[in-house]
Amino acid sequence: MKKYLLLAIGLLFVAQNSLMAQDDQEEKHWKFGGGIGLDFAQMLFVNPKVGAGEDRIGIGGNISFFAKYKKGRISWDNLAGLSFGIQRLGSFRKEQPFQKTVDELRIASNFAYAIKDDSPFGYSLDVLFLTQVTPTYNGNYLSPQQDTMYEAPVAQFFSPAALTISPGISFKKNTKFGEFSALLSPASFKAIMVGNDEVAQQNLHGNPYLADNATEEQFRASWGVAPDAPLADGTGYYARNYFQFGATLKAGYANKFFKYKEGDKEKHRLVLSTSLNLYSNYLRLPQHIDVEWITNVDVFLFKGLSISLMTNLFWDYDVLVQVDADGDLATGVNGYEATERRVSFLQSLLIKYNFLF
């Protein structure tokens, strides 16, 4: 499955470049651009005073690229983005591995064909792919700590990965109040894939899992699929992949504020975009709706340089998140004692350079 998916992504960009080449002699219908945001923090303490703190080094950021095609009734929007960051408290402690602050690879594509000329409604196919790029070990470390026994990663590339394919009806309209968009897909396919067996049997990423001395028949009755293998401790079963069929609803809003001129070009100081993605699985627990709400705010300073604020609110009944159960960050693994069903929230503030080409 992994090979076929990567091949499909490769073909997507090959087709994109082919279409661009065909349009070289015509009016340009493609628009390309992106942004690079950086986050760097460094503080050195040599023999710090008691209670004064500790030295730290951290680096991270966000890289994103987009390719948009518009000709007649056809529109095709593609986006690829990588958010990654690491840090270490006590930079002299070479035995202490770096710790992740964020790690997400996101690839999205939306193809739409308008029902008629100048209509805001269209037939649409929306594709979203998410995964991580590097292994993560307990405590969000890049490698196991030296004072622990060998342990399996809790996540790595393609473990997990989520793919959603949503054919449906789309809506996009520019108004004086901003751009409004929506997508409704009553027949949406979603797959949660965990390629690594050691990761798959940890009950962390929403792939089928059942312990408490469950039988194979109980596993099938609960998840509606056959298990791939028994758990290592023999108390149940797990499956690497979880294929779902349900409905997707997306809603988005974007606007620009505070117009100004830079040379002969008209630009805006403040750019806002927000999108809400809802998914319900018809086949199992449809009342538990998956939620992802992403908001981006860019305040432009000059010549593509901006301060960028991003927030991401996430909820999935099948995906467990880390929680500080006792309110004491000094206990547990990196302060987290448990994994539970909770809302996850991410906020990122970066200095960002945006570009078009």
Protein backbone atom coordinates (compact mmCIF):
# COMPACT_ATOMS: atom_id res chain seq x y z
CA MET A 1 0.00 0.00 0.00
CA LYS A 2 2.83 2.39 0.90
CA LYS A 3 4.58 1.90 -2.47
CA TYR A 4 1.39 2.48 -4.44
CA LEU A 5 0.57 5.62 -2.47
CA LEU A 6 4.02 7.13 -2.96
CA LEU A 7 3.82 6.26 -6.66
CA ALA A 8 0.44 8.02 -6.89
CA ILE A 9 1.87 11.13 -5.23
CA GLY A 10 4.79 11.08 -7.67
CA LEU A 11 2.46 10.76 -10.65
CA LEU A 12 0.42 13.68 -9.33
CA PHE A 13 3.40 16.02 -9.50
CA VAL A 14 4.59 14.60 -12.85
CA ALA A 15 1.15 15.31 -14.29
CA GLN A 16 1.27 18.76 -12.78
CA ASN A 17 4.62 19.55 -14.45
CA SER A 18 3.35 18.13 -17.75
CA LEU A 19 0.32 20.41 -17.72
CA MET A 20 2.54 23.36 -16.90
CA ALA A 21 4.75 22.60 -19.90
CA GLN A 22 1.72 22.43 -22.19
CA ASP A 23 0.67 25.90 -21.08
CA ASP A 24 4.06 27.54 -21.69
CA GLN A 25 2.94 28.86 -25.08
CA GLU A 26 -0.48 29.96 -23.80
CA GLU A 27 -1.68 32.26 -21.11
CA LYS A 28 -0.25 31.07 -17.78
CA HIS A 29 -2.87 29.15 -15.85
CA TRP A 30 -0.54 27.91 -13.10
CA LYS A 31 0.42 29.81 -9.98
CA PHE A 32 3.28 28.56 -7.81
CA GLY A 33 4.56 29.72 -4.46
CA GLY A 34 5.25 28.83 -0.87
CA GLY A 35 6.66 29.90 2.43
CA ILE A 36 9.55 29.13 4.74
CA GLY A 37 9.17 29.81 8.46
CA LEU A 38 11.96 29.42 11.03
CA ASP A 39 12.03 29.11 14.80
CA PHE A 40 15.44 29.22 16.51
CA ALA A 41 16.23 29.54 20.19
CA GLN A 42 19.62 29.27 21.87
CA MET A 43 20.73 30.13 25.39
CA LEU A 44 24.06 29.19 26.95
CA PHE A 45 24.60 28.80 30.69
CA VAL A 46 28.05 27.86 32.06
CA ASN A 47 27.83 27.04 35.76
CA PRO A 48 24.39 28.65 36.16
CA LYS A 49 23.31 30.11 39.48
CA VAL A 50 20.94 27.92 41.47
CA GLY A 51 17.40 28.53 40.31
CA ALA A 52 18.56 30.63 37.32
CA GLY A 53 17.64 28.09 34.66
CA GLU A 54 19.41 25.87 32.17
CA ASP A 55 20.97 26.23 28.72
CA ARG A 56 18.82 25.31 25.74
CA ILE A 57 19.02 24.88 22.00
CA GLY A 58 16.06 24.47 19.68
CA ILE A 59 15.41 24.79 15.97
CA GLY A 60 12.39 24.17 13.79
CA GLY A 61 10.09 25.62 11.26
CA ASN A 62 7.65 25.10 8.45
CA ILE A 63 8.15 24.69 4.70
CA SER A 64 5.16 24.81 2.37
CA PHE A 65 4.66 24.84 -1.39
CA PHE A 66 1.54 25.30 -3.46
CA ALA A 67 0.62 24.86 -7.11
CA LYS A 68 -2.74 26.17 -8.31
CA TYR A 69 -4.24 25.70 -11.77
CA LYS A 70 -7.26 27.60 -13.12
CA LYS A 71 -8.64 27.48 -16.65
CA GLY A 72 -12.29 27.81 -17.58
CA ARG A 73 -14.36 25.56 -15.37
CA ILE A 74 -11.34 23.61 -14.13
CA SER A 75 -9.49 24.43 -10.92
CA TRP A 76 -6.82 22.30 -9.25
CA ASP A 77 -5.20 23.30 -5.94
CA ASN A 78 -2.19 21.39 -4.58
CA LEU A 79 -0.38 21.94 -1.29
CA ALA A 80 2.61 20.22 0.36
CA GLY A 81 3.82 21.27 3.79
CA LEU A 82 6.31 20.04 6.38
CA SER A 83 6.41 21.22 10.01
CA PHE A 84 9.38 20.01 12.02
CA GLY A 85 11.15 21.11 15.18
CA ILE A 86 13.55 19.75 17.82
CA GLN A 87 14.99 20.98 21.11
CA ARG A 88 17.27 19.94 23.96
CA LEU A 89 17.47 21.35 27.47
CA GLY A 90 21.03 21.21 28.73
CA SER A 91 22.93 21.42 25.45
CA PHE A 92 26.08 19.98 27.09
CA ARG A 93 24.29 16.71 27.89
CA LYS A 94 25.34 14.77 24.84
CA GLU A 95 23.74 11.61 26.20
CA GLN A 96 20.35 13.34 26.22
CA PRO A 97 18.69 12.90 22.81
CA PHE A 98 16.94 15.75 21.05
CA GLN A 99 13.23 16.01 21.65
CA LYS A 100 10.62 16.75 19.01
CA THR A 101 8.44 19.83 19.23
CA VAL A 102 6.49 19.14 16.02
CA ASP A 103 6.64 16.67 13.11
CA GLU A 104 4.00 16.57 10.37
CA LEU A 105 4.06 16.06 6.61
CA ARG A 106 0.83 17.18 4.88
CA ILE A 107 -0.03 16.78 1.19
CA ALA A 108 -3.40 17.99 -0.08
CA SER A 109 -4.98 18.18 -3.52
CA ASN A 110 -8.40 19.39 -4.65
CA PHE A 111 -9.68 19.11 -8.23
CA ALA A 112 -12.95 20.83 -9.12
CA TYR A 113 -15.02 21.23 -12.29
CA ALA A 114 -17.66 23.97 -12.18
CA ILE A 115 -21.24 22.88 -12.88
CA LYS A 116 -21.48 25.78 -15.34
CA ASP A 117 -19.49 28.87 -16.25
CA ASP A 118 -19.14 31.33 -13.35
CA SER A 119 -20.98 28.98 -10.99
CA PRO A 120 -19.58 28.75 -7.43
CA PHE A 121 -20.63 25.06 -7.31
CA GLY A 122 -18.63 22.25 -8.87
CA TYR A 123 -17.92 18.55 -8.95
CA SER A 124 -14.90 17.93 -6.78
CA LEU A 125 -12.32 15.35 -5.74
CA ASP A 126 -10.42 16.13 -2.53
CA VAL A 127 -7.36 14.18 -1.35
CA LEU A 128 -5.49 14.59 1.96
CA PHE A 129 -2.42 12.66 3.14
CA LEU A 130 -0.76 13.03 6.58
CA THR A 131 2.24 11.34 8.20
CA GLN A 132 5.47 11.99 10.14
CA VAL A 133 9.00 12.01 8.74
CA THR A 134 11.28 10.78 11.56
CA PRO A 135 11.02 8.12 14.29
CA THR A 136 9.70 9.18 17.70
CA TYR A 137 10.42 7.35 20.95
CA ASN A 138 8.65 7.50 24.30
CA GLY A 139 8.85 11.02 25.67
CA ASN A 140 8.86 12.52 22.13
CA TYR A 141 12.59 11.84 21.73
CA LEU A 142 14.37 11.24 18.41
CA SER A 143 16.14 8.18 19.86
CA PRO A 144 15.82 6.05 23.02
CA GLN A 145 17.43 7.48 26.14
CA GLN A 146 20.64 5.75 27.21
CA ASP A 147 19.37 4.83 30.67
CA THR A 148 16.44 2.82 29.27
CA MET A 149 16.25 -0.64 27.77
CA TYR A 150 15.62 -0.99 24.04
CA GLU A 151 12.18 0.26 23.18
CA ALA A 152 10.22 0.41 19.97
CA PRO A 153 9.37 3.79 18.45
CA VAL A 154 5.90 5.11 19.19
CA ALA A 155 5.71 6.63 15.68
CA GLN A 156 7.74 6.91 12.49
CA PHE A 157 7.33 7.60 8.76
CA PHE A 158 4.10 5.96 7.56
CA SER A 159 3.37 4.79 11.10
CA PRO A 160 0.88 6.29 11.28
CA ALA A 161 -0.30 7.72 7.97
CA ALA A 162 -3.80 8.89 7.13
CA LEU A 163 -5.26 9.11 3.63
CA THR A 164 -8.68 10.61 2.89
CA ILE A 165 -10.26 10.62 -0.59
CA SER A 166 -13.49 12.60 -0.86
CA PRO A 167 -15.49 12.97 -4.09
CA GLY A 168 -18.39 15.38 -3.78
CA ILE A 169 -19.82 18.82 -4.45
CA SER A 170 -17.68 21.90 -3.79
CA PHE A 171 -18.49 25.57 -3.32
CA LYS A 172 -16.13 28.55 -3.67
CA LYS A 173 -17.14 32.19 -3.91
CA ASN A 174 -15.34 35.50 -3.54
CA THR A 175 -17.35 38.25 -1.88
CA LYS A 176 -16.57 41.66 -0.42
CA PHE A 177 -16.40 39.92 2.96
CA GLY A 178 -13.78 37.39 1.82
CA GLU A 179 -13.60 33.98 0.12
CA PHE A 180 -15.95 31.25 1.32
CA SER A 181 -15.45 27.60 0.40
CA ALA A 182 -17.05 24.27 1.27
CA LEU A 183 -17.02 20.62 0.27
CA LEU A 184 -19.62 17.95 0.95
CA SER A 185 -18.76 14.33 0.23
CA PRO A 186 -21.37 11.73 1.26
CA ALA A 187 -19.12 8.87 0.06
CA SER A 188 -15.67 9.51 1.50
CA PHE A 189 -12.89 6.93 1.94
CA LYS A 190 -10.43 7.18 4.82
CA ALA A 191 -7.52 4.91 5.69
CA ILE A 192 -5.38 4.91 8.84
CA MET A 193 -2.20 2.97 8.07
CA VAL A 194 0.54 1.84 10.46
CA GLY A 195 3.30 0.14 8.51
CA ASN A 196 5.44 -0.88 11.51
CA ASP A 197 4.15 -3.84 13.56
CA GLU A 198 5.79 -2.67 16.80
CA VAL A 199 4.03 0.69 16.48
CA ALA A 200 0.74 -0.87 15.39
CA GLN A 201 0.32 -2.94 18.55
CA GLN A 202 0.70 -0.02 20.99
CA ASN A 203 -2.93 1.22 20.71
CA LEU A 204 -1.95 4.82 19.94
CA HIS A 205 -2.88 5.76 16.39
CA GLY A 206 -6.44 4.57 15.74
CA ASN A 207 -5.66 1.31 13.95
CA PRO A 208 -7.77 -1.70 15.12
CA TYR A 209 -6.68 -2.96 18.55
CA LEU A 210 -8.33 -5.08 21.25
CA ALA A 211 -6.68 -6.39 24.44
CA ASP A 212 -8.05 -7.70 27.79
CA ASN A 213 -7.69 -11.33 26.62
CA ALA A 214 -9.99 -10.70 23.64
CA THR A 215 -10.57 -13.52 21.19
CA GLU A 216 -10.26 -13.24 17.43
CA GLU A 217 -14.05 -13.43 17.15
CA GLN A 218 -14.45 -10.52 19.59
CA PHE A 219 -11.93 -8.51 17.59
CA ARG A 220 -13.87 -9.10 14.35
CA ALA A 221 -17.16 -8.19 16.04
CA SER A 222 -15.73 -4.97 17.47
CA TRP A 223 -13.85 -3.68 14.41
CA GLY A 224 -15.47 -5.51 11.49
CA VAL A 225 -12.08 -6.62 10.12
CA ALA A 226 -9.75 -9.58 10.58
CA PRO A 227 -6.67 -9.03 12.80
CA ASP A 228 -3.18 -9.11 11.30
CA ALA A 229 -1.54 -10.76 14.33
CA PRO A 230 -1.88 -11.33 18.09
CA LEU A 231 -0.38 -8.81 20.50
CA ALA A 232 3.14 -9.59 21.72
CA ASP A 233 1.88 -10.29 25.26
CA GLY A 234 -0.86 -12.59 23.98
CA THR A 235 -3.72 -10.59 25.49
CA GLY A 236 -5.47 -9.70 22.23
CA TYR A 237 -5.08 -8.77 18.57
CA TYR A 238 -4.29 -5.83 16.32
CA ALA A 239 -4.47 -4.82 12.66
CA ARG A 240 -2.13 -2.41 10.89
CA ASN A 241 -4.70 -0.75 8.66
CA TYR A 242 -8.15 0.68 9.33
CA PHE A 243 -10.26 1.40 6.25
CA GLN A 244 -13.31 3.60 6.76
CA PHE A 245 -16.24 4.74 4.61
CA GLY A 246 -18.24 7.79 5.59
CA ALA A 247 -19.00 11.46 4.97
CA THR A 248 -16.72 14.49 4.84
CA LEU A 249 -17.72 18.12 5.33
CA LYS A 250 -15.18 20.90 4.85
CA ALA A 251 -15.71 24.62 5.32
CA GLY A 252 -13.20 27.39 4.78
CA TYR A 253 -12.83 31.15 4.91
CA ALA A 254 -10.01 33.44 3.76
CA ASN A 255 -9.62 37.21 3.62
CA LYS A 256 -7.02 39.96 3.26
CA PHE A 257 -6.94 43.22 5.17
CA PHE A 258 -5.07 46.58 5.24
CA LYS A 259 -4.21 47.14 1.60
CA TYR A 260 -0.94 48.84 0.67
CA LYS A 261 1.38 49.25 -2.33
CA GLU A 262 4.88 47.87 -2.70
CA GLY A 263 6.29 49.32 -5.90
CA ASP A 264 3.59 48.83 -8.52
CA LYS A 265 2.08 45.81 -6.74
CA GLU A 266 -0.95 45.89 -4.48
CA LYS A 267 -0.51 43.86 -1.29
CA HIS A 268 -2.10 43.39 2.13
CA ARG A 269 -0.65 43.59 5.65
CA LEU A 270 -2.87 40.92 7.19
CA VAL A 271 -3.91 37.60 5.62
CA LEU A 272 -6.30 35.25 7.42
CA SER A 273 -7.41 31.72 6.49
CA THR A 274 -9.27 29.09 8.47
CA SER A 275 -10.63 25.65 7.56
CA LEU A 276 -12.76 23.11 9.41
CA ASN A 277 -12.72 19.43 8.41
CA LEU A 278 -15.34 17.00 9.78
CA TYR A 279 -15.53 13.26 9.09
CA SER A 280 -18.00 10.57 10.20
CA ASN A 281 -17.41 6.85 9.64
CA TYR A 282 -20.66 5.11 8.61
CA LEU A 283 -19.25 1.66 9.40
CA ARG A 284 -18.31 2.13 13.07
CA LEU A 285 -19.34 4.67 15.72
CA PRO A 286 -20.65 7.30 13.26
CA GLN A 287 -21.69 9.55 16.17
CA HIS A 288 -18.01 10.20 16.97
CA ILE A 289 -17.06 12.83 14.39
CA ASP A 290 -13.38 13.45 13.60
CA VAL A 291 -12.50 17.15 13.80
CA GLU A 292 -9.57 19.17 12.47
CA TRP A 293 -9.67 22.98 12.59
CA ILE A 294 -6.68 24.88 11.21
CA THR A 295 -6.22 28.66 11.29
CA ASN A 296 -3.37 30.71 9.79
CA VAL A 297 -2.75 34.43 10.36
CA ASP A 298 0.10 36.19 8.52
CA VAL A 299 1.13 39.76 9.37
CA PHE A 300 3.37 40.97 6.54
CA LEU A 301 6.26 43.28 7.46
CA PHE A 302 7.97 43.91 4.12
CA LYS A 303 8.97 42.11 0.89
CA GLY A 304 7.47 38.71 1.73
CA LEU A 305 8.65 38.65 5.34
CA SER A 306 5.86 38.01 7.83
CA ILE A 307 5.05 36.90 11.35
CA SER A 308 2.91 33.79 11.03
CA LEU A 309 0.57 32.36 13.67
CA MET A 310 -0.87 28.87 13.13
CA THR A 311 -3.28 26.90 15.32
CA ASN A 312 -4.52 23.34 14.87
CA LEU A 313 -7.31 21.78 16.94
CA PHE A 314 -7.69 18.01 16.53
CA TRP A 315 -10.10 15.36 17.82
CA ASP A 316 -10.43 11.72 16.77
CA TYR A 317 -12.20 9.17 18.98
CA ASP A 318 -9.87 6.38 17.79
CA VAL A 319 -6.60 8.31 18.25
CA LEU A 320 -5.22 8.62 21.79
CA VAL A 321 -3.24 11.70 22.87
CA GLN A 322 -0.71 12.30 25.65
CA VAL A 323 -2.10 13.82 28.87
CA ASP A 324 -0.67 15.06 32.14
CA ALA A 325 -3.07 13.03 34.29
CA ASP A 326 -1.85 14.18 37.72
CA GLY A 327 -0.98 17.79 36.95
CA ASP A 328 2.66 17.18 37.87
CA LEU A 329 5.11 17.63 35.00
CA ALA A 330 7.85 16.05 37.13
CA THR A 331 6.30 12.58 36.96
CA GLY A 332 5.68 10.21 34.09
CA VAL A 333 7.48 10.21 30.74
CA ASN A 334 8.24 13.86 29.94
CA GLY A 335 5.39 14.81 32.27
CA TYR A 336 2.78 12.64 30.53
CA GLU A 337 1.46 9.73 32.59
CA ALA A 338 -1.24 8.44 30.26
CA THR A 339 -2.78 8.41 26.81
CA GLU A 340 -6.49 9.22 26.62
CA ARG A 341 -9.23 10.45 24.32
CA ARG A 342 -8.81 14.22 24.50
CA VAL A 343 -8.76 17.28 22.24
CA SER A 344 -5.26 18.05 20.95
CA PHE A 345 -4.25 21.68 20.31
CA LEU A 346 -1.14 23.05 18.57
CA GLN A 347 -0.06 26.70 18.32
CA SER A 348 2.98 27.87 16.38
CA LEU A 349 4.46 31.37 15.97
CA LEU A 350 7.12 31.78 13.27
CA ILE A 351 9.00 34.39 11.32
CA LYS A 352 8.20 33.43 7.74
CA TYR A 353 9.35 34.28 4.23
CA ASN A 354 6.68 33.91 1.51
CA PHE A 355 7.48 33.67 -2.18
CA LEU A 356 5.93 33.28 -5.65
CA PHE A 357 7.64 31.88 -8.76
